[in-house]
N, C-alpha and C. Protein backbone atom coordinates (compact mmCIF):
# COMPACT_ATOMS: atom_id res chain seq x y z
N MET A 1 -6.60 18.63 -50.05
CA MET A 1 -7.19 18.66 -48.72
C MET A 1 -8.05 19.91 -48.62
N SER A 2 -9.30 19.73 -48.27
CA SER A 2 -10.22 20.86 -48.16
C SER A 2 -9.92 21.65 -46.89
N PRO A 3 -10.33 22.93 -46.85
CA PRO A 3 -10.08 23.73 -45.65
C PRO A 3 -10.68 23.11 -44.39
N ALA A 4 -11.76 22.39 -44.52
CA ALA A 4 -12.39 21.76 -43.35
C ALA A 4 -11.54 20.61 -42.80
N GLU A 5 -10.70 20.01 -43.65
CA GLU A 5 -9.88 18.87 -43.23
C GLU A 5 -8.51 19.30 -42.71
N ARG A 6 -8.15 20.56 -42.87
CA ARG A 6 -6.83 21.01 -42.42
C ARG A 6 -6.75 21.04 -40.90
N THR A 7 -5.56 20.81 -40.42
CA THR A 7 -5.32 20.85 -38.98
C THR A 7 -5.12 22.29 -38.54
N ARG A 8 -5.83 22.68 -37.51
CA ARG A 8 -5.71 24.02 -36.95
C ARG A 8 -4.66 23.99 -35.84
N VAL A 9 -3.88 25.05 -35.72
CA VAL A 9 -2.91 25.17 -34.64
C VAL A 9 -3.31 26.37 -33.80
N GLU A 10 -3.50 26.14 -32.50
CA GLU A 10 -3.83 27.21 -31.56
C GLU A 10 -2.63 27.43 -30.65
N VAL A 11 -2.25 28.68 -30.50
CA VAL A 11 -1.16 29.03 -29.59
C VAL A 11 -1.75 29.93 -28.52
N ARG A 12 -1.72 29.46 -27.30
CA ARG A 12 -2.29 30.23 -26.18
C ARG A 12 -1.28 31.24 -25.65
N ARG A 13 -1.76 32.22 -24.93
CA ARG A 13 -0.94 33.32 -24.41
C ARG A 13 0.21 32.82 -23.54
N ALA A 14 0.00 31.76 -22.79
CA ALA A 14 1.04 31.24 -21.89
C ALA A 14 2.31 30.86 -22.66
N VAL A 15 2.17 30.43 -23.90
CA VAL A 15 3.34 30.06 -24.69
C VAL A 15 4.26 31.28 -24.85
N TYR A 16 3.68 32.41 -25.17
CA TYR A 16 4.48 33.62 -25.38
C TYR A 16 5.14 34.07 -24.09
N LEU A 17 4.42 33.97 -22.99
CA LEU A 17 4.98 34.37 -21.70
C LEU A 17 6.12 33.44 -21.29
N GLN A 18 5.92 32.14 -21.47
CA GLN A 18 6.97 31.18 -21.12
C GLN A 18 8.17 31.31 -22.06
N LEU A 19 7.91 31.59 -23.32
CA LEU A 19 8.99 31.79 -24.28
C LEU A 19 9.82 33.02 -23.90
N ALA A 20 9.15 34.08 -23.49
CA ALA A 20 9.86 35.29 -23.04
C ALA A 20 10.70 34.98 -21.80
N ALA A 21 10.17 34.16 -20.90
CA ALA A 21 10.92 33.78 -19.69
C ALA A 21 12.17 32.98 -20.06
N VAL A 22 12.05 32.05 -21.00
CA VAL A 22 13.21 31.25 -21.43
C VAL A 22 14.28 32.16 -22.02
N VAL A 23 13.86 33.07 -22.89
CA VAL A 23 14.81 33.99 -23.52
C VAL A 23 15.49 34.85 -22.46
N ALA A 24 14.71 35.36 -21.51
CA ALA A 24 15.28 36.22 -20.46
C ALA A 24 16.26 35.47 -19.58
N VAL A 25 15.90 34.27 -19.16
CA VAL A 25 16.79 33.49 -18.29
C VAL A 25 18.08 33.12 -19.03
N ALA A 26 17.95 32.68 -20.26
CA ALA A 26 19.14 32.31 -21.03
C ALA A 26 20.03 33.53 -21.27
N ALA A 27 19.42 34.67 -21.52
CA ALA A 27 20.20 35.90 -21.72
C ALA A 27 20.90 36.31 -20.43
N LEU A 28 20.20 36.17 -19.31
CA LEU A 28 20.82 36.51 -18.02
C LEU A 28 21.99 35.59 -17.70
N LEU A 29 21.86 34.32 -18.02
CA LEU A 29 22.95 33.38 -17.76
C LEU A 29 24.18 33.68 -18.62
N ALA A 30 23.96 34.32 -19.77
CA ALA A 30 25.08 34.62 -20.67
C ALA A 30 25.49 36.09 -20.61
N ARG A 31 25.05 36.82 -19.60
CA ARG A 31 25.28 38.27 -19.55
C ARG A 31 26.75 38.66 -19.48
N ASP A 32 27.61 37.79 -18.99
CA ASP A 32 29.04 38.12 -18.89
C ASP A 32 29.73 38.13 -20.26
N ASP A 33 29.04 37.60 -21.28
CA ASP A 33 29.63 37.53 -22.63
C ASP A 33 29.32 38.76 -23.48
N GLY A 34 28.66 39.74 -22.90
CA GLY A 34 28.29 40.94 -23.64
C GLY A 34 26.80 40.93 -23.98
N VAL A 35 26.26 42.10 -24.20
CA VAL A 35 24.82 42.24 -24.41
C VAL A 35 24.36 41.53 -25.68
N ALA A 36 25.07 41.75 -26.78
CA ALA A 36 24.66 41.15 -28.05
C ALA A 36 24.71 39.62 -27.99
N THR A 37 25.77 39.09 -27.42
CA THR A 37 25.89 37.64 -27.30
C THR A 37 24.83 37.08 -26.38
N ALA A 38 24.56 37.76 -25.28
CA ALA A 38 23.53 37.31 -24.34
C ALA A 38 22.17 37.28 -25.00
N LEU A 39 21.84 38.33 -25.76
CA LEU A 39 20.55 38.36 -26.45
C LEU A 39 20.46 37.26 -27.52
N ALA A 40 21.55 37.05 -28.23
CA ALA A 40 21.57 35.99 -29.25
C ALA A 40 21.39 34.62 -28.62
N ARG A 41 22.06 34.38 -27.51
CA ARG A 41 21.92 33.09 -26.83
C ARG A 41 20.51 32.93 -26.26
N GLY A 42 19.95 34.00 -25.75
CA GLY A 42 18.57 33.95 -25.25
C GLY A 42 17.60 33.62 -26.36
N ALA A 43 17.76 34.28 -27.51
CA ALA A 43 16.88 34.02 -28.65
C ALA A 43 17.04 32.58 -29.14
N ALA A 44 18.28 32.10 -29.18
CA ALA A 44 18.53 30.72 -29.62
C ALA A 44 17.89 29.72 -28.66
N ALA A 45 17.97 29.99 -27.36
CA ALA A 45 17.33 29.11 -26.37
C ALA A 45 15.82 29.11 -26.55
N GLY A 46 15.25 30.26 -26.85
CA GLY A 46 13.82 30.34 -27.10
C GLY A 46 13.41 29.52 -28.32
N VAL A 47 14.21 29.59 -29.37
CA VAL A 47 13.93 28.81 -30.58
C VAL A 47 14.00 27.32 -30.28
N VAL A 48 15.01 26.90 -29.53
CA VAL A 48 15.13 25.48 -29.18
C VAL A 48 13.93 25.03 -28.35
N ALA A 49 13.49 25.84 -27.40
CA ALA A 49 12.34 25.49 -26.57
C ALA A 49 11.07 25.36 -27.42
N LEU A 50 10.88 26.28 -28.35
CA LEU A 50 9.69 26.24 -29.21
C LEU A 50 9.75 25.04 -30.16
N VAL A 51 10.91 24.79 -30.73
CA VAL A 51 11.07 23.63 -31.63
C VAL A 51 10.80 22.33 -30.87
N THR A 52 11.26 22.26 -29.63
CA THR A 52 11.02 21.08 -28.81
C THR A 52 9.53 20.81 -28.64
N CYS A 53 8.78 21.84 -28.31
CA CYS A 53 7.34 21.70 -28.10
C CYS A 53 6.63 21.32 -29.40
N VAL A 54 6.95 22.03 -30.46
CA VAL A 54 6.28 21.78 -31.75
C VAL A 54 6.63 20.39 -32.29
N ALA A 55 7.89 19.98 -32.18
CA ALA A 55 8.29 18.66 -32.68
C ALA A 55 7.59 17.54 -31.91
N HIS A 56 7.45 17.70 -30.60
CA HIS A 56 6.77 16.70 -29.78
C HIS A 56 5.32 16.53 -30.24
N GLU A 57 4.62 17.64 -30.38
CA GLU A 57 3.22 17.56 -30.81
C GLU A 57 3.09 17.12 -32.26
N ALA A 58 4.04 17.50 -33.09
CA ALA A 58 4.03 17.04 -34.48
C ALA A 58 4.19 15.53 -34.54
N GLY A 59 4.96 14.97 -33.63
CA GLY A 59 5.10 13.51 -33.56
C GLY A 59 3.75 12.85 -33.33
N HIS A 60 2.97 13.38 -32.39
CA HIS A 60 1.63 12.84 -32.15
C HIS A 60 0.76 12.98 -33.40
N ALA A 61 0.75 14.17 -33.98
CA ALA A 61 -0.12 14.45 -35.13
C ALA A 61 0.25 13.59 -36.33
N LEU A 62 1.54 13.46 -36.62
CA LEU A 62 1.96 12.65 -37.76
C LEU A 62 1.65 11.18 -37.55
N ALA A 63 1.84 10.69 -36.35
CA ALA A 63 1.51 9.29 -36.07
C ALA A 63 0.01 9.05 -36.19
N ALA A 64 -0.78 9.99 -35.72
CA ALA A 64 -2.24 9.84 -35.83
C ALA A 64 -2.66 9.82 -37.30
N ARG A 65 -2.10 10.71 -38.09
CA ARG A 65 -2.43 10.73 -39.52
C ARG A 65 -1.96 9.46 -40.21
N ALA A 66 -0.78 8.97 -39.84
CA ALA A 66 -0.26 7.74 -40.45
C ALA A 66 -1.16 6.54 -40.13
N ARG A 67 -1.85 6.60 -39.01
CA ARG A 67 -2.75 5.51 -38.62
C ARG A 67 -4.18 5.77 -39.10
N GLY A 68 -4.37 6.80 -39.93
CA GLY A 68 -5.68 7.05 -40.53
C GLY A 68 -6.63 7.91 -39.70
N LEU A 69 -6.12 8.54 -38.66
CA LEU A 69 -6.96 9.39 -37.82
C LEU A 69 -6.93 10.82 -38.33
N ARG A 70 -8.02 11.53 -38.17
CA ARG A 70 -8.07 12.93 -38.55
C ARG A 70 -7.61 13.78 -37.36
N VAL A 71 -6.65 14.65 -37.61
CA VAL A 71 -6.15 15.55 -36.57
C VAL A 71 -6.86 16.89 -36.75
N HIS A 72 -7.67 17.26 -35.77
CA HIS A 72 -8.47 18.48 -35.87
C HIS A 72 -7.64 19.71 -35.48
N THR A 73 -7.00 19.65 -34.32
CA THR A 73 -6.33 20.82 -33.77
C THR A 73 -5.09 20.40 -32.97
N VAL A 74 -4.05 21.19 -33.06
CA VAL A 74 -2.90 21.06 -32.18
C VAL A 74 -2.91 22.33 -31.32
N VAL A 75 -3.02 22.14 -30.01
CA VAL A 75 -3.12 23.27 -29.08
C VAL A 75 -1.85 23.38 -28.27
N LEU A 76 -1.17 24.52 -28.37
CA LEU A 76 0.01 24.78 -27.55
C LEU A 76 -0.45 25.67 -26.40
N ARG A 77 -0.61 25.06 -25.22
CA ARG A 77 -1.06 25.81 -24.03
C ARG A 77 0.12 26.37 -23.26
N GLY A 78 1.27 25.79 -23.45
CA GLY A 78 2.50 26.21 -22.80
C GLY A 78 3.63 25.42 -23.42
N LEU A 79 4.86 25.78 -23.10
CA LEU A 79 5.98 25.08 -23.71
C LEU A 79 6.05 23.62 -23.27
N LEU A 80 5.53 23.31 -22.10
CA LEU A 80 5.51 21.92 -21.64
C LEU A 80 4.08 21.42 -21.47
N ASP A 81 3.13 22.12 -22.06
CA ASP A 81 1.73 21.71 -21.96
C ASP A 81 1.06 21.96 -23.30
N ALA A 82 0.84 20.89 -24.03
CA ALA A 82 0.21 21.00 -25.33
C ALA A 82 -0.68 19.79 -25.54
N GLY A 83 -1.46 19.81 -26.59
CA GLY A 83 -2.34 18.68 -26.85
C GLY A 83 -2.70 18.60 -28.32
N THR A 84 -3.05 17.40 -28.74
CA THR A 84 -3.48 17.16 -30.10
C THR A 84 -4.91 16.64 -30.05
N VAL A 85 -5.82 17.35 -30.68
CA VAL A 85 -7.22 16.94 -30.72
C VAL A 85 -7.43 16.18 -32.01
N ARG A 86 -7.84 14.92 -31.89
CA ARG A 86 -7.97 14.07 -33.07
C ARG A 86 -9.19 13.19 -32.95
N SER A 87 -9.47 12.48 -34.03
CA SER A 87 -10.60 11.56 -34.00
C SER A 87 -10.28 10.39 -33.07
N VAL A 88 -11.31 9.66 -32.71
CA VAL A 88 -11.17 8.55 -31.76
C VAL A 88 -10.37 7.43 -32.39
N SER A 89 -9.43 6.88 -31.62
CA SER A 89 -8.62 5.77 -32.10
C SER A 89 -9.46 4.51 -32.24
N PRO A 90 -9.25 3.75 -33.31
CA PRO A 90 -10.02 2.54 -33.51
C PRO A 90 -9.59 1.38 -32.61
N GLY A 91 -8.46 1.50 -31.97
CA GLY A 91 -8.02 0.40 -31.13
C GLY A 91 -6.89 0.80 -30.21
N ARG A 92 -6.57 -0.11 -29.33
CA ARG A 92 -5.56 0.18 -28.30
C ARG A 92 -4.17 0.33 -28.88
N ARG A 93 -3.83 -0.43 -29.89
CA ARG A 93 -2.49 -0.33 -30.46
C ARG A 93 -2.27 1.04 -31.12
N THR A 94 -3.26 1.49 -31.87
CA THR A 94 -3.16 2.81 -32.50
C THR A 94 -3.04 3.89 -31.44
N GLU A 95 -3.86 3.83 -30.40
CA GLU A 95 -3.81 4.83 -29.34
C GLU A 95 -2.45 4.84 -28.67
N ALA A 96 -1.92 3.68 -28.36
CA ALA A 96 -0.61 3.60 -27.71
C ALA A 96 0.49 4.16 -28.62
N LEU A 97 0.45 3.83 -29.90
CA LEU A 97 1.46 4.33 -30.82
C LEU A 97 1.41 5.85 -30.96
N VAL A 98 0.20 6.39 -31.05
CA VAL A 98 0.05 7.84 -31.16
C VAL A 98 0.54 8.52 -29.89
N CYS A 99 0.24 7.94 -28.74
CA CYS A 99 0.69 8.52 -27.47
C CYS A 99 2.21 8.51 -27.34
N LEU A 100 2.84 7.48 -27.84
CA LEU A 100 4.29 7.34 -27.70
C LEU A 100 5.08 8.07 -28.79
N ALA A 101 4.39 8.53 -29.84
CA ALA A 101 5.08 9.21 -30.94
C ALA A 101 5.67 10.55 -30.52
N GLY A 102 5.01 11.27 -29.63
CA GLY A 102 5.54 12.55 -29.15
C GLY A 102 6.85 12.37 -28.40
N PRO A 103 6.88 11.49 -27.37
CA PRO A 103 8.16 11.24 -26.70
C PRO A 103 9.24 10.70 -27.65
N ALA A 104 8.84 9.92 -28.64
CA ALA A 104 9.82 9.42 -29.61
C ALA A 104 10.45 10.57 -30.40
N ALA A 105 9.64 11.56 -30.77
CA ALA A 105 10.17 12.73 -31.47
C ALA A 105 11.13 13.50 -30.56
N SER A 106 10.80 13.58 -29.27
CA SER A 106 11.69 14.25 -28.32
C SER A 106 13.01 13.50 -28.16
N VAL A 107 12.94 12.18 -28.14
CA VAL A 107 14.16 11.37 -28.05
C VAL A 107 15.03 11.59 -29.29
N LEU A 108 14.41 11.66 -30.46
CA LEU A 108 15.19 11.90 -31.69
C LEU A 108 15.88 13.27 -31.65
N LEU A 109 15.19 14.28 -31.14
CA LEU A 109 15.83 15.60 -31.01
C LEU A 109 16.94 15.58 -29.96
N ALA A 110 16.74 14.82 -28.89
CA ALA A 110 17.80 14.69 -27.88
C ALA A 110 19.03 14.02 -28.49
N LEU A 111 18.81 13.01 -29.31
CA LEU A 111 19.93 12.35 -29.98
C LEU A 111 20.62 13.29 -30.96
N ALA A 112 19.85 14.14 -31.62
CA ALA A 112 20.45 15.16 -32.51
C ALA A 112 21.31 16.11 -31.68
N GLY A 113 20.83 16.50 -30.52
CA GLY A 113 21.62 17.34 -29.63
C GLY A 113 22.89 16.65 -29.19
N LEU A 114 22.79 15.36 -28.88
CA LEU A 114 23.97 14.59 -28.49
C LEU A 114 24.99 14.53 -29.63
N ALA A 115 24.49 14.36 -30.85
CA ALA A 115 25.39 14.33 -32.01
C ALA A 115 26.09 15.67 -32.19
N VAL A 116 25.37 16.76 -31.97
CA VAL A 116 25.98 18.09 -32.08
C VAL A 116 27.05 18.27 -31.00
N VAL A 117 26.72 17.87 -29.77
CA VAL A 117 27.67 18.01 -28.67
C VAL A 117 28.92 17.16 -28.92
N ALA A 118 28.71 15.94 -29.37
CA ALA A 118 29.85 15.04 -29.61
C ALA A 118 30.67 15.47 -30.83
N GLY A 119 30.01 16.13 -31.77
CA GLY A 119 30.70 16.49 -33.01
C GLY A 119 31.37 17.85 -33.01
N THR A 120 31.24 18.60 -31.94
CA THR A 120 31.87 19.92 -31.89
C THR A 120 32.93 19.94 -30.79
N PRO A 121 34.08 20.53 -31.07
CA PRO A 121 35.15 20.51 -30.08
C PRO A 121 34.83 21.29 -28.81
N ASP A 122 34.01 22.32 -28.91
CA ASP A 122 33.70 23.12 -27.72
C ASP A 122 32.36 22.73 -27.09
N HIS A 123 31.82 21.59 -27.48
CA HIS A 123 30.54 21.10 -26.95
C HIS A 123 29.48 22.21 -27.03
N TRP A 124 29.20 22.61 -28.21
CA TRP A 124 28.31 23.73 -28.53
C TRP A 124 27.14 23.83 -27.57
N ARG A 125 26.92 24.98 -26.99
CA ARG A 125 25.89 25.18 -25.95
C ARG A 125 24.49 24.86 -26.45
N LEU A 126 24.21 25.23 -27.69
CA LEU A 126 22.87 24.98 -28.22
C LEU A 126 22.62 23.47 -28.34
N GLY A 127 23.65 22.72 -28.68
CA GLY A 127 23.53 21.27 -28.73
C GLY A 127 23.23 20.68 -27.36
N ARG A 128 23.89 21.23 -26.34
CA ARG A 128 23.62 20.77 -24.97
C ARG A 128 22.19 21.08 -24.56
N LEU A 129 21.73 22.27 -24.93
CA LEU A 129 20.36 22.65 -24.60
C LEU A 129 19.36 21.73 -25.32
N LEU A 130 19.62 21.46 -26.59
CA LEU A 130 18.76 20.56 -27.35
C LEU A 130 18.73 19.17 -26.72
N LEU A 131 19.88 18.68 -26.31
CA LEU A 131 19.98 17.37 -25.67
C LEU A 131 19.22 17.34 -24.34
N VAL A 132 19.54 18.27 -23.46
CA VAL A 132 18.97 18.25 -22.11
C VAL A 132 17.47 18.52 -22.13
N LEU A 133 17.04 19.53 -22.87
CA LEU A 133 15.63 19.88 -22.89
C LEU A 133 14.77 18.76 -23.47
N ASN A 134 15.21 18.16 -24.56
CA ASN A 134 14.43 17.09 -25.16
C ASN A 134 14.46 15.81 -24.36
N ALA A 135 15.57 15.52 -23.71
CA ALA A 135 15.62 14.35 -22.83
C ALA A 135 14.65 14.55 -21.66
N PHE A 136 14.63 15.76 -21.11
CA PHE A 136 13.70 16.08 -20.03
C PHE A 136 12.25 15.94 -20.49
N VAL A 137 11.93 16.48 -21.65
CA VAL A 137 10.55 16.41 -22.17
C VAL A 137 10.14 14.96 -22.40
N ALA A 138 11.03 14.16 -22.98
CA ALA A 138 10.71 12.75 -23.22
C ALA A 138 10.47 12.01 -21.91
N LEU A 139 11.34 12.21 -20.94
CA LEU A 139 11.17 11.54 -19.64
C LEU A 139 9.91 12.01 -18.92
N ALA A 140 9.66 13.30 -18.93
CA ALA A 140 8.47 13.83 -18.27
C ALA A 140 7.21 13.32 -18.94
N ALA A 141 7.21 13.26 -20.26
CA ALA A 141 6.03 12.79 -20.98
C ALA A 141 5.74 11.31 -20.70
N LEU A 142 6.78 10.56 -20.44
CA LEU A 142 6.58 9.13 -20.19
C LEU A 142 6.30 8.81 -18.73
N THR A 143 6.70 9.69 -17.80
CA THR A 143 6.59 9.33 -16.39
C THR A 143 5.68 10.22 -15.57
N ALA A 144 5.36 11.41 -16.03
CA ALA A 144 4.57 12.33 -15.22
C ALA A 144 3.11 11.88 -15.12
N GLY A 145 2.32 12.57 -14.37
CA GLY A 145 0.94 12.31 -14.00
C GLY A 145 0.02 11.49 -14.88
N PRO A 146 -1.24 11.45 -14.47
CA PRO A 146 -2.23 10.59 -15.12
C PRO A 146 -2.59 10.99 -16.55
N ARG A 147 -2.30 12.22 -16.95
CA ARG A 147 -2.60 12.66 -18.31
C ARG A 147 -1.39 12.60 -19.22
N SER A 148 -0.27 12.07 -18.72
CA SER A 148 0.96 12.04 -19.51
C SER A 148 0.82 11.06 -20.67
N ASP A 149 1.70 11.22 -21.64
CA ASP A 149 1.70 10.32 -22.80
C ASP A 149 1.93 8.88 -22.38
N GLY A 150 2.85 8.68 -21.46
CA GLY A 150 3.15 7.32 -21.00
C GLY A 150 1.97 6.67 -20.30
N ALA A 151 1.28 7.44 -19.42
CA ALA A 151 0.11 6.91 -18.72
C ALA A 151 -1.01 6.60 -19.69
N ARG A 152 -1.22 7.48 -20.67
CA ARG A 152 -2.28 7.24 -21.65
C ARG A 152 -1.97 6.03 -22.51
N ALA A 153 -0.69 5.86 -22.90
CA ALA A 153 -0.31 4.69 -23.69
C ALA A 153 -0.49 3.41 -22.89
N LEU A 154 -0.13 3.45 -21.63
CA LEU A 154 -0.31 2.27 -20.77
C LEU A 154 -1.79 1.93 -20.59
N ARG A 155 -2.62 2.95 -20.38
CA ARG A 155 -4.07 2.71 -20.26
C ARG A 155 -4.64 2.12 -21.54
N ALA A 156 -4.20 2.65 -22.67
CA ALA A 156 -4.68 2.14 -23.96
C ALA A 156 -4.25 0.70 -24.15
N TRP A 157 -3.02 0.41 -23.80
CA TRP A 157 -2.51 -0.95 -23.99
C TRP A 157 -3.21 -1.94 -23.08
N ARG A 158 -3.59 -1.52 -21.88
CA ARG A 158 -4.24 -2.41 -20.92
C ARG A 158 -5.73 -2.57 -21.18
N THR A 159 -6.30 -1.72 -22.04
CA THR A 159 -7.72 -1.81 -22.37
C THR A 159 -7.97 -3.12 -23.11
N THR A 160 -9.00 -3.81 -22.69
CA THR A 160 -9.34 -5.08 -23.35
C THR A 160 -10.70 -4.97 -24.00
N GLY A 161 -10.97 -5.88 -24.89
CA GLY A 161 -12.28 -5.94 -25.53
C GLY A 161 -12.34 -5.12 -26.81
N PRO A 162 -13.47 -5.19 -27.51
CA PRO A 162 -13.61 -4.54 -28.79
C PRO A 162 -13.95 -3.06 -28.71
N ASP A 163 -14.13 -2.53 -27.49
CA ASP A 163 -14.50 -1.12 -27.35
C ASP A 163 -13.41 -0.23 -27.94
N ARG A 164 -13.85 0.88 -28.51
CA ARG A 164 -12.90 1.84 -29.06
C ARG A 164 -12.26 2.61 -27.91
N VAL A 165 -11.02 2.99 -28.11
CA VAL A 165 -10.30 3.76 -27.12
C VAL A 165 -10.61 5.23 -27.35
N ARG A 166 -10.98 5.92 -26.29
CA ARG A 166 -11.31 7.34 -26.42
C ARG A 166 -10.05 8.18 -26.32
N ALA A 167 -9.93 9.13 -27.24
CA ALA A 167 -8.83 10.10 -27.17
C ALA A 167 -9.19 11.14 -26.13
N PRO A 168 -8.23 11.56 -25.31
CA PRO A 168 -8.55 12.55 -24.27
C PRO A 168 -8.83 13.92 -24.85
């Protein structure tokens, strides 16, 4: 793969600020367990939040590549606001599949969190966070506003005719 064909990843400043907020809130919630434990839990929550965002966008990018589309850039604008810049989809089915791949990745991570919670006697906190955060991301991506993955997939699916579907 030539350097011109590689996918670029852009991380905007808001990601770092939101990540710091997640770490701080998680550490504050665990403050009764001691400083070291609170900081460790905060850092772990930050890692889970970042993995959630990256896995969701990776789902879009991998699905686009699997369908023969070139992925130019993955932009992380925030932990719950990211985008994949890719070539134009050749049809409605490809567009719908690429749009739904991100929420599918989030559902898989939520199921992994559920498996961790069910498989540990103390219902490991990180597993609960993985479950809840990814379930929230999947639901929000499928149901939120006009630019959501679900709305874009529905628009692509409802498009008729031979016209190519434009990627946002």
